[in-house]
Amino acid sequence: MFRPLFFAVALALLSAPVQAQQRAVAVTFDDPPYQATEAELCDPVRAMALTRDFVAMLRPLDTRATVFVNEGKVCEERRADLLPALLNMWLDAGLDMGNHTFSHLNIHRTTVEAYLADVDAGAPVTRAVLAERGGTLRFFRHPFLFTGETPEKKAAIAAGLTGRGYTVAPVTIDNNDWMFAALYRRAEAAGDEALKTRIGEAYVAHMAAVLDHWEPYSAELTGGREPAQVLLLHAHTLNRDWYPRIHALYLARGYRFVTLDEALADPIYGHADDYVRANGVSWLHRWTFTEGRPIRWEPDPPKWIMDAYEALN
């Protein structure tokens, strides 16, 4: 399939910005080295090609993004040589890098001690490749956006992360790109280009719909000012092919792309978070809950996407 970079750029140039670059977003991609099979990520040729194509797509867009790594995605016998090579490809593209645990562990199904051990196991290679460039491993992203299903567990995890020197990377603009991506991978495997295009176009439309929700919703927390947003996406073939359209969508709505550090300097990220549930949600929902106001949930993907995804499982 022709990747729609040309059309993304054209859309950005032809669309009138909504707020003349007054909006800001930090883009983040979870699950590098990649959302792919173990066989793909343990084959140097295939793994390098997946990563090379993704960063080649990102490079001209200047996203200033941060990626959150699961070191355990690369099999043990290739971790010492292949994983650093893959991570360096992301860094060569000018992206920052954080820890997303070793194995994408679900905190609700394990202990605090086991979770923090998985955090530690997810750091060595990432820390080393950053150090070689004079950088440090500073950011952490919770898998599934799960922070703990009891106040005691949540507090213990937070203390453990703070003690390890991590800054938690919240998410304000959550979405269901992973759901679209699973269907996209199946269509890709089947060689169904028409279905890939249908899924991609539905994905872009969904991302516009969630912005229609998150933008005014976020402004309710700040007296009418939209705070700097943090967008959660994932490293997979759907975004390899369709992220340029998402990027153009943000440009058309008046966003400038900032680093995660710049976004987290917004005062909203100092807001208290009293949300404790066995699910993962946007920090906008967490802060809304903390203020005692009702959460208004973001729109779901189209029904045909949800039905098709459910049929996969």
C-alpha atoms as a PDB file:
ATOM      1  CA  MET A   1       0.000   0.000   0.000  1.00  0.00           C
ATOM      2  CA  PHE A   2       1.211   3.526  -0.781  1.00  0.00           C
ATOM      3  CA  ARG A   3       1.892   5.221   2.517  1.00  0.00           C
ATOM      4  CA  PRO A   4      -0.065   8.445   2.631  1.00  0.00           C
ATOM      5  CA  LEU A   5       2.719  10.858   3.588  1.00  0.00           C
ATOM      6  CA  PHE A   6       2.137  13.061   0.540  1.00  0.00           C
ATOM      7  CA  PHE A   7      -1.549  13.386   1.327  1.00  0.00           C
ATOM      8  CA  ALA A   8      -0.798  14.057   4.983  1.00  0.00           C
ATOM      9  CA  VAL A   9       1.454  16.960   4.124  1.00  0.00           C
ATOM     10  CA  ALA A  10      -1.051  18.307   1.617  1.00  0.00           C
ATOM     11  CA  LEU A  11      -3.823  18.147   4.202  1.00  0.00           C
ATOM     12  CA  ALA A  12      -1.704  20.050   6.695  1.00  0.00           C
ATOM     13  CA  LEU A  13      -0.875  22.782   4.183  1.00  0.00           C
ATOM     14  CA  LEU A  14      -4.393  23.209   2.863  1.00  0.00           C
ATOM     15  CA  SER A  15      -6.267  23.139   6.170  1.00  0.00           C
ATOM     16  CA  ALA A  16      -6.675  26.344   8.152  1.00  0.00           C
ATOM     17  CA  PRO A  17      -5.296  25.961  11.702  1.00  0.00           C
ATOM     18  CA  VAL A  18      -7.995  26.163  14.323  1.00  0.00           C
ATOM     19  CA  GLN A  19      -5.929  28.011  16.914  1.00  0.00           C
ATOM     20  CA  ALA A  20      -2.892  29.223  14.921  1.00  0.00           C
ATOM     21  CA  GLN A  21      -0.428  26.958  16.696  1.00  0.00           C
ATOM     22  CA  GLN A  22      -1.658  27.810  20.211  1.00  0.00           C
ATOM     23  CA  ARG A  23      -2.178  24.134  20.978  1.00  0.00           C
ATOM     24  CA  ALA A  24       0.669  21.792  21.922  1.00  0.00           C
ATOM     25  CA  VAL A  25       1.050  18.011  21.926  1.00  0.00           C
ATOM     26  CA  ALA A  26       3.798  15.605  22.940  1.00  0.00           C
ATOM     27  CA  VAL A  27       3.636  12.434  20.853  1.00  0.00           C
ATOM     28  CA  THR A  28       4.567   9.145  22.513  1.00  0.00           C
ATOM     29  CA  PHE A  29       4.864   5.657  21.032  1.00  0.00           C
ATOM     30  CA  ASP A  30       4.602   2.664  23.363  1.00  0.00           C
ATOM     31  CA  ASP A  31       5.991  -0.847  22.862  1.00  0.00           C
ATOM     32  CA  PRO A  32       9.203  -0.434  20.862  1.00  0.00           C
ATOM     33  CA  PRO A  33      11.150  -2.221  19.574  1.00  0.00           C
ATOM     34  CA  TYR A  34       7.792  -2.960  17.860  1.00  0.00           C
ATOM     35  CA  GLN A  35       4.369  -4.527  18.182  1.00  0.00           C
ATOM     36  CA  ALA A  36       5.248  -7.645  16.208  1.00  0.00           C
ATOM     37  CA  THR A  37       5.611 -11.376  16.676  1.00  0.00           C
ATOM     38  CA  GLU A  38       8.496 -12.925  18.603  1.00  0.00           C
ATOM     39  CA  ALA A  39       9.708 -14.505  15.369  1.00  0.00           C
ATOM     40  CA  GLU A  40       9.866 -11.095  13.674  1.00  0.00           C
ATOM     41  CA  LEU A  41      11.639  -9.427  16.594  1.00  0.00           C
ATOM     42  CA  CYS A  42      14.236 -12.191  16.905  1.00  0.00           C
ATOM     43  CA  ASP A  43      15.077 -12.139  13.200  1.00  0.00           C
ATOM     44  CA  PRO A  44      17.608  -9.325  12.695  1.00  0.00           C
ATOM     45  CA  VAL A  45      16.645  -8.697   9.083  1.00  0.00           C
ATOM     46  CA  ARG A  46      12.917  -8.461   9.748  1.00  0.00           C
ATOM     47  CA  ALA A  47      13.242  -6.569  13.026  1.00  0.00           C
ATOM     48  CA  MET A  48      15.616  -4.012  11.543  1.00  0.00           C
ATOM     49  CA  ALA A  49      13.357  -3.532   8.515  1.00  0.00           C
ATOM     50  CA  LEU A  50      10.278  -2.908  10.673  1.00  0.00           C
ATOM     51  CA  THR A  51      12.096  -0.333  12.768  1.00  0.00           C
ATOM     52  CA  ARG A  52      13.857   1.268   9.787  1.00  0.00           C
ATOM     53  CA  ASP A  53      10.560   1.797   7.961  1.00  0.00           C
ATOM     54  CA  PHE A  54       8.880   3.289  11.020  1.00  0.00           C
ATOM     55  CA  VAL A  55      11.628   5.787  11.829  1.00  0.00           C
ATOM     56  CA  ALA A  56      11.977   6.671   8.132  1.00  0.00           C
ATOM     57  CA  MET A  57       8.300   7.660   8.212  1.00  0.00           C
ATOM     58  CA  LEU A  58       8.804   9.747  11.367  1.00  0.00           C
ATOM     59  CA  ARG A  59      12.049  11.473  10.451  1.00  0.00           C
ATOM     60  CA  PRO A  60      10.705  14.203   8.128  1.00  0.00           C
ATOM     61  CA  LEU A  61       7.749  14.972  10.410  1.00  0.00           C
ATOM     62  CA  ASP A  62       9.800  16.274  13.361  1.00  0.00           C
ATOM     63  CA  THR A  63       7.435  14.845  15.967  1.00  0.00           C
ATOM     64  CA  ARG A  64       9.939  15.322  18.838  1.00  0.00           C
ATOM     65  CA  ALA A  65       8.419  12.114  20.187  1.00  0.00           C
ATOM     66  CA  THR A  66       9.322   9.849  23.098  1.00  0.00           C
ATOM     67  CA  VAL A  67       9.186   6.066  22.802  1.00  0.00           C
ATOM     68  CA  PHE A  68       8.594   3.656  25.694  1.00  0.00           C
ATOM     69  CA  VAL A  69      10.484   0.388  25.434  1.00  0.00           C
ATOM     70  CA  ASN A  70       9.653  -3.190  26.400  1.00  0.00           C
ATOM     71  CA  GLU A  71      13.108  -4.790  26.355  1.00  0.00           C
ATOM     72  CA  GLY A  72      11.619  -8.272  26.708  1.00  0.00           C
ATOM     73  CA  LYS A  73      10.087  -8.120  23.230  1.00  0.00           C
ATOM     74  CA  VAL A  74      13.425  -9.250  21.794  1.00  0.00           C
ATOM     75  CA  CYS A  75      14.210 -12.882  22.630  1.00  0.00           C
ATOM     76  CA  GLU A  76      16.963 -13.519  25.157  1.00  0.00           C
ATOM     77  CA  GLU A  77      19.463 -14.971  22.699  1.00  0.00           C
ATOM     78  CA  ARG A  78      19.362 -11.786  20.555  1.00  0.00           C
ATOM     79  CA  ARG A  79      18.910  -9.192  23.288  1.00  0.00           C
ATOM     80  CA  ALA A  80      22.589  -8.345  23.724  1.00  0.00           C
ATOM     81  CA  ASP A  81      23.234  -7.532  20.068  1.00  0.00           C
ATOM     82  CA  LEU A  82      19.939  -6.895  18.273  1.00  0.00           C
ATOM     83  CA  LEU A  83      18.143  -4.843  20.926  1.00  0.00           C
ATOM     84  CA  PRO A  84      20.809  -2.089  21.147  1.00  0.00           C
ATOM     85  CA  ALA A  85      20.865  -1.865  17.356  1.00  0.00           C
ATOM     86  CA  LEU A  86      17.093  -1.437  17.226  1.00  0.00           C
ATOM     87  CA  LEU A  87      16.993   1.134  20.011  1.00  0.00           C
ATOM     88  CA  ASN A  88      19.786   3.127  18.412  1.00  0.00           C
ATOM     89  CA  MET A  89      17.717   3.387  15.240  1.00  0.00           C
ATOM     90  CA  TRP A  90      15.004   5.161  17.233  1.00  0.00           C
ATOM     91  CA  LEU A  91      17.554   7.452  18.873  1.00  0.00           C
ATOM     92  CA  ASP A  92      19.184   8.203  15.518  1.00  0.00           C
ATOM     93  CA  ALA A  93      15.814   9.594  14.412  1.00  0.00           C
ATOM     94  CA  GLY A  94      15.976  12.161  17.232  1.00  0.00           C
ATOM     95  CA  LEU A  95      13.475  10.540  19.591  1.00  0.00           C
ATOM     96  CA  ASP A  96      13.779  10.327  23.378  1.00  0.00           C
ATOM     97  CA  MET A  97      13.294   7.026  25.179  1.00  0.00           C
ATOM     98  CA  GLY A  98      11.677   5.750  28.386  1.00  0.00           C
ATOM     99  CA  ASN A  99      10.948   2.507  30.264  1.00  0.00           C
ATOM    100  CA  HIS A 100       7.674   0.630  29.704  1.00  0.00           C
ATOM    101  CA  THR A 101       8.711  -2.390  31.848  1.00  0.00           C
ATOM    102  CA  PHE A 102      10.457  -5.486  30.571  1.00  0.00           C
ATOM    103  CA  SER A 103       7.402  -7.593  29.734  1.00  0.00           C
ATOM    104  CA  HIS A 104       4.443  -5.156  29.683  1.00  0.00           C
ATOM    105  CA  LEU A 105       3.337  -6.565  33.019  1.00  0.00           C
ATOM    106  CA  ASN A 106      -0.218  -6.111  34.305  1.00  0.00           C
ATOM    107  CA  ILE A 107       0.054  -4.658  37.831  1.00  0.00           C
ATOM    108  CA  HIS A 108      -3.421  -5.915  38.701  1.00  0.00           C
ATOM    109  CA  ARG A 109      -2.267  -9.520  38.290  1.00  0.00           C
ATOM    110  CA  THR A 110       0.930  -9.366  40.299  1.00  0.00           C
ATOM    111  CA  THR A 111       2.563  -7.908  43.395  1.00  0.00           C
ATOM    112  CA  VAL A 112       4.222  -4.536  43.799  1.00  0.00           C
ATOM    113  CA  GLU A 113       7.575  -6.279  44.260  1.00  0.00           C
ATOM    114  CA  ALA A 114       7.234  -8.286  41.032  1.00  0.00           C
ATOM    115  CA  TYR A 115       6.094  -5.217  39.131  1.00  0.00           C
ATOM    116  CA  LEU A 116       9.038  -3.105  40.254  1.00  0.00           C
ATOM    117  CA  ALA A 117      11.388  -5.976  39.437  1.00  0.00           C
ATOM    118  CA  ASP A 118       9.971  -5.932  35.901  1.00  0.00           C
ATOM    119  CA  VAL A 119      10.571  -2.173  35.785  1.00  0.00           C
ATOM    120  CA  ASP A 120      14.203  -2.786  36.745  1.00  0.00           C
ATOM    121  CA  ALA A 121      14.579  -5.577  34.180  1.00  0.00           C
ATOM    122  CA  GLY A 122      13.290  -3.228  31.492  1.00  0.00           C
ATOM    123  CA  ALA A 123      16.036  -0.645  32.009  1.00  0.00           C
ATOM    124  CA  PRO A 124      19.582  -1.969  31.368  1.00  0.00           C
ATOM    125  CA  VAL A 125      19.856  -1.835  27.573  1.00  0.00           C
ATOM    126  CA  THR A 126      17.780   1.326  27.252  1.00  0.00           C
ATOM    127  CA  ARG A 127      19.850   3.041  29.920  1.00  0.00           C
ATOM    128  CA  ALA A 128      23.082   1.958  28.256  1.00  0.00           C
ATOM    129  CA  VAL A 129      22.207   3.203  24.762  1.00  0.00           C
ATOM    130  CA  LEU A 130      21.071   6.534  26.213  1.00  0.00           C
ATOM    131  CA  ALA A 131      24.241   6.845  28.289  1.00  0.00           C
ATOM    132  CA  GLU A 132      26.387   6.308  25.199  1.00  0.00           C
ATOM    133  CA  ARG A 133      24.860   9.516  23.854  1.00  0.00           C
ATOM    134  CA  GLY A 134      25.122  11.434  27.103  1.00  0.00           C
ATOM    135  CA  GLY A 135      21.464  10.872  27.975  1.00  0.00           C
ATOM    136  CA  THR A 136      19.690   9.396  30.978  1.00  0.00           C
ATOM    137  CA  LEU A 137      16.714   7.111  31.414  1.00  0.00           C
ATOM    138  CA  ARG A 138      14.187   9.377  33.122  1.00  0.00           C
ATOM    139  CA  PHE A 139      10.666   8.534  31.945  1.00  0.00           C
ATOM    140  CA  PHE A 140       8.344   5.657  32.810  1.00  0.00           C
ATOM    141  CA  ARG A 141       5.008   4.724  31.243  1.00  0.00           C
ATOM    142  CA  HIS A 142       2.630   2.298  32.983  1.00  0.00           C
ATOM    143  CA  PRO A 143       1.584  -0.642  30.788  1.00  0.00           C
ATOM    144  CA  PHE A 144      -2.145  -0.462  29.992  1.00  0.00           C
ATOM    145  CA  LEU A 145      -2.101   2.878  31.907  1.00  0.00           C
ATOM    146  CA  PHE A 146      -2.745   0.739  35.012  1.00  0.00           C
ATOM    147  CA  THR A 147      -1.423   2.432  38.147  1.00  0.00           C
ATOM    148  CA  GLY A 148      -2.806   0.100  40.828  1.00  0.00           C
ATOM    149  CA  GLU A 149      -6.273  -1.110  41.808  1.00  0.00           C
ATOM    150  CA  THR A 150      -5.984  -0.241  45.517  1.00  0.00           C
ATOM    151  CA  PRO A 151      -4.735   2.952  47.191  1.00  0.00           C
ATOM    152  CA  GLU A 152      -1.981   0.971  48.942  1.00  0.00           C
ATOM    153  CA  LYS A 153      -0.716  -0.655  45.737  1.00  0.00           C
ATOM    154  CA  LYS A 154      -0.871   2.597  43.785  1.00  0.00           C
ATOM    155  CA  ALA A 155       1.084   4.439  46.483  1.00  0.00           C
ATOM    156  CA  ALA A 156       3.715   1.697  46.710  1.00  0.00           C
ATOM    157  CA  ILE A 157       4.279   1.674  42.956  1.00  0.00           C
ATOM    158  CA  ALA A 158       4.499   5.463  42.851  1.00  0.00           C
ATOM    159  CA  ALA A 159       7.040   5.462  45.680  1.00  0.00           C
ATOM    160  CA  GLY A 160       9.071   2.735  43.974  1.00  0.00           C
ATOM    161  CA  LEU A 161       9.183   4.659  40.705  1.00  0.00           C
ATOM    162  CA  THR A 162      10.115   7.904  42.439  1.00  0.00           C
ATOM    163  CA  GLY A 163      12.859   6.146  44.376  1.00  0.00           C
ATOM    164  CA  ARG A 164      14.283   4.891  41.090  1.00  0.00           C
ATOM    165  CA  GLY A 165      14.398   8.414  39.691  1.00  0.00           C
ATOM    166  CA  TYR A 166      11.588   8.034  37.161  1.00  0.00           C
ATOM    167  CA  THR A 167       9.186  10.714  35.990  1.00  0.00           C
ATOM    168  CA  VAL A 168       5.847   9.137  35.117  1.00  0.00           C
ATOM    169  CA  ALA A 169       4.638   9.985  31.604  1.00  0.00           C
ATOM    170  CA  PRO A 170       0.887  10.566  31.854  1.00  0.00           C
ATOM    171  CA  VAL A 171      -1.462  10.372  28.888  1.00  0.00           C
ATOM    172  CA  THR A 172      -4.196  12.880  28.172  1.00  0.00           C
ATOM    173  CA  ILE A 173      -5.245  11.838  24.660  1.00  0.00           C
ATOM    174  CA  ASP A 174      -5.988   8.133  24.861  1.00  0.00           C
ATOM    175  CA  ASN A 175      -7.533   6.229  21.968  1.00  0.00           C
ATOM    176  CA  ASN A 176      -7.898   2.730  20.592  1.00  0.00           C
ATOM    177  CA  ASP A 177      -5.130   2.592  18.008  1.00  0.00           C
ATOM    178  CA  TRP A 178      -4.199  -0.897  19.268  1.00  0.00           C
ATOM    179  CA  MET A 179      -7.646  -2.182  18.295  1.00  0.00           C
ATOM    180  CA  PHE A 180      -7.401  -0.851  14.751  1.00  0.00           C
ATOM    181  CA  ALA A 181      -3.805  -2.134  14.570  1.00  0.00           C
ATOM    182  CA  ALA A 182      -4.738  -5.727  15.343  1.00  0.00           C
ATOM    183  CA  LEU A 183      -7.241  -5.732  12.480  1.00  0.00           C
ATOM    184  CA  TYR A 184      -4.743  -3.997  10.221  1.00  0.00           C
ATOM    185  CA  ARG A 185      -2.127  -6.677  10.873  1.00  0.00           C
ATOM    186  CA  ARG A 186      -4.632  -9.377   9.950  1.00  0.00           C
ATOM    187  CA  ALA A 187      -5.543  -7.575   6.715  1.00  0.00           C
ATOM    188  CA  GLU A 188      -1.848  -7.123   5.993  1.00  0.00           C
ATOM    189  CA  ALA A 189      -1.186 -10.826   6.464  1.00  0.00           C
ATOM    190  CA  ALA A 190      -4.054 -11.604   4.086  1.00  0.00           C
ATOM    191  CA  GLY A 191      -2.798  -9.122   1.490  1.00  0.00           C
ATOM    192  CA  ASP A 192      -6.159  -7.324   1.589  1.00  0.00           C
ATOM    193  CA  GLU A 193      -5.235  -3.793   0.505  1.00  0.00           C
ATOM    194  CA  ALA A 194      -8.846  -2.606   0.324  1.00  0.00           C
ATOM    195  CA  LEU A 195      -9.484  -3.630   3.922  1.00  0.00           C
ATOM    196  CA  LYS A 196      -6.220  -2.009   5.049  1.00  0.00           C
ATOM    197  CA  THR A 197      -7.359   1.254   3.483  1.00  0.00           C
ATOM    198  CA  ARG A 198     -10.812   0.992   5.067  1.00  0.00           C
ATOM    199  CA  ILE A 199      -9.270   0.378   8.498  1.00  0.00           C
ATOM    200  CA  GLY A 200      -6.774   3.211   8.053  1.00  0.00           C
ATOM    201  CA  GLU A 201      -9.416   5.706   7.035  1.00  0.00           C
ATOM    202  CA  ALA A 202     -11.634   4.663   9.941  1.00  0.00           C
ATOM    203  CA  TYR A 203      -8.647   5.106  12.260  1.00  0.00           C
ATOM    204  CA  VAL A 204      -8.016   8.677  11.100  1.00  0.00           C
ATOM    205  CA  ALA A 205     -11.721   9.522  11.476  1.00  0.00           C
ATOM    206  CA  HIS A 206     -11.712   8.045  14.986  1.00  0.00           C
ATOM    207  CA  MET A 207      -8.676  10.112  15.959  1.00  0.00           C
ATOM    208  CA  ALA A 208     -10.508  13.263  14.856  1.00  0.00           C
ATOM    209  CA  ALA A 209     -13.552  12.218  16.883  1.00  0.00           C
ATOM    210  CA  VAL A 210     -11.525  11.682  20.049  1.00  0.00           C
ATOM    211  CA  LEU A 211      -9.953  15.130  19.643  1.00  0.00           C
ATOM    212  CA  ASP A 212     -13.438  16.601  19.423  1.00  0.00           C
ATOM    213  CA  HIS A 213     -13.958  15.086  22.864  1.00  0.00           C
ATOM    214  CA  TRP A 214     -10.594  15.668  24.560  1.00  0.00           C
ATOM    215  CA  GLU A 215     -10.038  19.300  23.579  1.00  0.00           C
ATOM    216  CA  PRO A 216     -13.059  20.893  25.305  1.00  0.00           C
ATOM    217  CA  TYR A 217     -12.958  18.301  28.088  1.00  0.00           C
ATOM    218  CA  SER A 218      -9.361  19.229  28.946  1.00  0.00           C
ATOM    219  CA  ALA A 219     -10.215  22.936  28.970  1.00  0.00           C
ATOM    220  CA  GLU A 220     -12.748  22.344  31.747  1.00  0.00           C
ATOM    221  CA  LEU A 221      -9.839  21.604  34.091  1.00  0.00           C
ATOM    222  CA  THR A 222      -8.009  24.828  33.341  1.00  0.00           C
ATOM    223  CA  GLY A 223     -10.681  27.508  33.153  1.00  0.00           C
ATOM    224  CA  GLY A 224     -10.992  27.368  29.381  1.00  0.00           C
ATOM    225  CA  ARG A 225      -7.351  26.943  28.379  1.00  0.00           C
ATOM    226  CA  GLU A 226      -6.464  23.688  26.632  1.00  0.00           C
ATOM    227  CA  PRO A 227      -3.338  22.330  28.358  1.00  0.00           C
ATOM    228  CA  ALA A 228      -0.402  20.783  26.537  1.00  0.00           C
ATOM    229  CA  GLN A 229      -1.554  17.290  25.608  1.00  0.00           C
ATOM    230  CA  VAL A 230       0.278  13.943  25.687  1.00  0.00           C
ATOM    231  CA  LEU A 231      -0.820  11.601  22.901  1.00  0.00           C
ATOM    232  CA  LEU A 232      -0.536   7.830  23.344  1.00  0.00           C
ATOM    233  CA  LEU A 233       0.154   5.779  20.227  1.00  0.00           C
ATOM    234  CA  HIS A 234       1.954   2.491  19.597  1.00  0.00           C
ATOM    235  CA  ALA A 235       4.742   1.290  17.331  1.00  0.00           C
ATOM    236  CA  HIS A 236       2.999  -0.924  14.777  1.00  0.00           C
ATOM    237  CA  THR A 237       2.391  -1.179  11.057  1.00  0.00           C
ATOM    238  CA  LEU A 238      -0.870   0.800  11.202  1.00  0.00           C
ATOM    239  CA  ASN A 239       0.980   3.858  12.479  1.00  0.00           C
ATOM    240  CA  ARG A 240       3.878   3.177  10.122  1.00  0.00           C
ATOM    241  CA  ASP A 241       1.412   3.630   7.252  1.00  0.00           C
ATOM    242  CA  TRP A 242      -1.137   6.067   8.705  1.00  0.00           C
ATOM    243  CA  TYR A 243       0.565   8.186  11.362  1.00  0.00           C
ATOM    244  CA  PRO A 244       1.382  10.895   8.751  1.00  0.00           C
ATOM    245  CA  ARG A 245      -2.369  11.455   8.399  1.00  0.00           C
ATOM    246  CA  ILE A 246      -2.659  11.761  12.188  1.00  0.00           C
ATOM    247  CA  HIS A 247       0.234  14.220  12.215  1.00  0.00           C
ATOM    248  CA  ALA A 248      -1.464  16.291   9.522  1.00  0.00           C
ATOM    249  CA  LEU A 249      -4.714  16.197  11.490  1.00  0.00           C
ATOM    250  CA  TYR A 250      -2.968  17.749  14.489  1.00  0.00           C
ATOM    251  CA  LEU A 251      -1.305  20.396  12.335  1.00  0.00           C
ATOM    252  CA  ALA A 252      -4.660  21.275  10.797  1.00  0.00           C
ATOM    253  CA  ARG A 253      -6.113  21.771  14.283  1.00  0.00           C
ATOM    254  CA  GLY A 254      -3.381  24.220  15.256  1.00  0.00           C
ATOM    255  CA  TYR A 255      -1.040  22.009  17.274  1.00  0.00           C
ATOM    256  CA  ARG A 256       2.697  22.419  17.576  1.00  0.00           C
ATOM    257  CA  PHE A 257       4.720  19.345  18.449  1.00  0.00           C
ATOM    258  CA  VAL A 258       6.688  19.605  21.703  1.00  0.00           C
ATOM    259  CA  THR A 259       8.912  17.306  23.723  1.00  0.00           C
ATOM    260  CA  LEU A 260       7.525  15.373  26.637  1.00  0.00           C
ATOM    261  CA  ASP A 261       9.545  17.600  28.970  1.00  0.00           C
ATOM    262  CA  GLU A 262       7.895  20.674  27.492  1.00  0.00           C
ATOM    263  CA  ALA A 263       4.412  19.208  27.812  1.00  0.00           C
ATOM    264  CA  LEU A 264       4.946  18.124  31.427  1.00  0.00           C
ATOM    265  CA  ALA A 265       5.979  21.680  32.322  1.00  0.00           C
ATOM    266  CA  ASP A 266       2.323  22.653  31.915  1.00  0.00           C
ATOM    267  CA  PRO A 267       0.845  23.264  35.412  1.00  0.00           C
ATOM    268  CA  ILE A 268      -1.948  20.746  34.800  1.00  0.00           C
ATOM    269  CA  TYR A 269       0.535  17.898  35.318  1.00  0.00           C
ATOM    270  CA  GLY A 270       0.902  18.884  38.959  1.00  0.00           C
ATOM    271  CA  HIS A 271      -2.787  18.083  39.546  1.00  0.00           C
ATOM    272  CA  ALA A 272      -3.562  15.515  42.245  1.00  0.00           C
ATOM    273  CA  ASP A 273      -4.679  12.068  41.064  1.00  0.00           C
ATOM    274  CA  ASP A 274      -7.006  10.205  43.433  1.00  0.00           C
ATOM    275  CA  TYR A 275      -8.333   7.805  40.801  1.00  0.00           C
ATOM    276  CA  VAL A 276      -8.051   4.166  41.915  1.00  0.00           C
ATOM    277  CA  ARG A 277      -9.695   1.562  39.714  1.00  0.00           C
ATOM    278  CA  ALA A 278      -8.728  -1.708  38.020  1.00  0.00           C
ATOM    279  CA  ASN A 279      -8.555  -0.052  34.615  1.00  0.00           C
ATOM    280  CA  GLY A 280      -6.374   2.368  32.704  1.00  0.00           C
ATOM    281  CA  VAL A 281      -7.685   5.785  31.690  1.00  0.00           C
ATOM    282  CA  SER A 282      -6.524   9.197  30.560  1.00  0.00           C
ATOM    283  CA  TRP A 283      -5.152  11.485  33.229  1.00  0.00           C
ATOM    284  CA  LEU A 284      -7.868  13.949  32.204  1.00  0.00           C
ATOM    285  CA  HIS A 285     -10.363  11.440  33.582  1.00  0.00           C
ATOM    286  CA  ARG A 286      -8.226  10.953  36.700  1.00  0.00           C
ATOM    287  CA  TRP A 287      -8.091  14.695  37.393  1.00  0.00           C
ATOM    288  CA  THR A 288     -11.800  15.139  36.644  1.00  0.00           C
ATOM    289  CA  PHE A 289     -12.606  12.352  39.116  1.00  0.00           C
ATOM    290  CA  THR A 290     -10.307  13.903  41.721  1.00  0.00           C
ATOM    291  CA  GLU A 291     -12.211  17.174  41.445  1.00  0.00           C
ATOM    292  CA  GLY A 292     -15.454  15.318  42.168  1.00  0.00           C
ATOM    293  CA  ARG A 293     -16.950  15.900  38.735  1.00  0.00           C
ATOM    294  CA  PRO A 294     -18.478  13.191  36.525  1.00  0.00           C
ATOM    295  CA  ILE A 295     -16.208  11.567  33.951  1.00  0.00           C
ATOM    296  CA  ARG A 296     -17.353  11.912  30.358  1.00  0.00           C
ATOM    297  CA  TRP A 297     -15.944   9.028  28.383  1.00  0.00           C
ATOM    298  CA  GLU A 298     -14.335   9.396  24.974  1.00  0.00           C
ATOM    299  CA  PRO A 299     -16.057   7.943  21.883  1.00  0.00           C
ATOM    300  CA  ASP A 300     -15.628   4.293  20.987  1.00  0.00           C
ATOM    301  CA  PRO A 301     -14.290   3.147  17.620  1.00  0.00           C
ATOM    302  CA  PRO A 302     -16.889   2.324  14.962  1.00  0.00           C
ATOM    303  CA  LYS A 303     -19.010  -0.685  15.792  1.00  0.00           C
ATOM    304  CA  TRP A 304     -17.656  -2.699  12.868  1.00  0.00           C
ATOM    305  CA  ILE A 305     -14.142  -2.231  14.223  1.00  0.00           C
ATOM    306  CA  MET A 306     -15.139  -3.311  17.732  1.00  0.00           C
ATOM    307  CA  ASP A 307     -17.078  -6.306  16.426  1.00  0.00           C
ATOM    308  CA  ALA A 308     -14.198  -7.403  14.201  1.00  0.00           C
ATOM    309  CA  TYR A 309     -11.717  -7.001  17.044  1.00  0.00           C
ATOM    310  CA  GLU A 310     -13.897  -9.040  19.398  1.00  0.00           C
ATOM    311  CA  ALA A 311     -14.047 -11.790  16.773  1.00  0.00           C
ATOM    312  CA  LEU A 312     -10.251 -12.007  16.859  1.00  0.00           C
ATOM    313  CA  ASN A 313     -10.262 -12.951  20.544  1.00  0.00           C
END
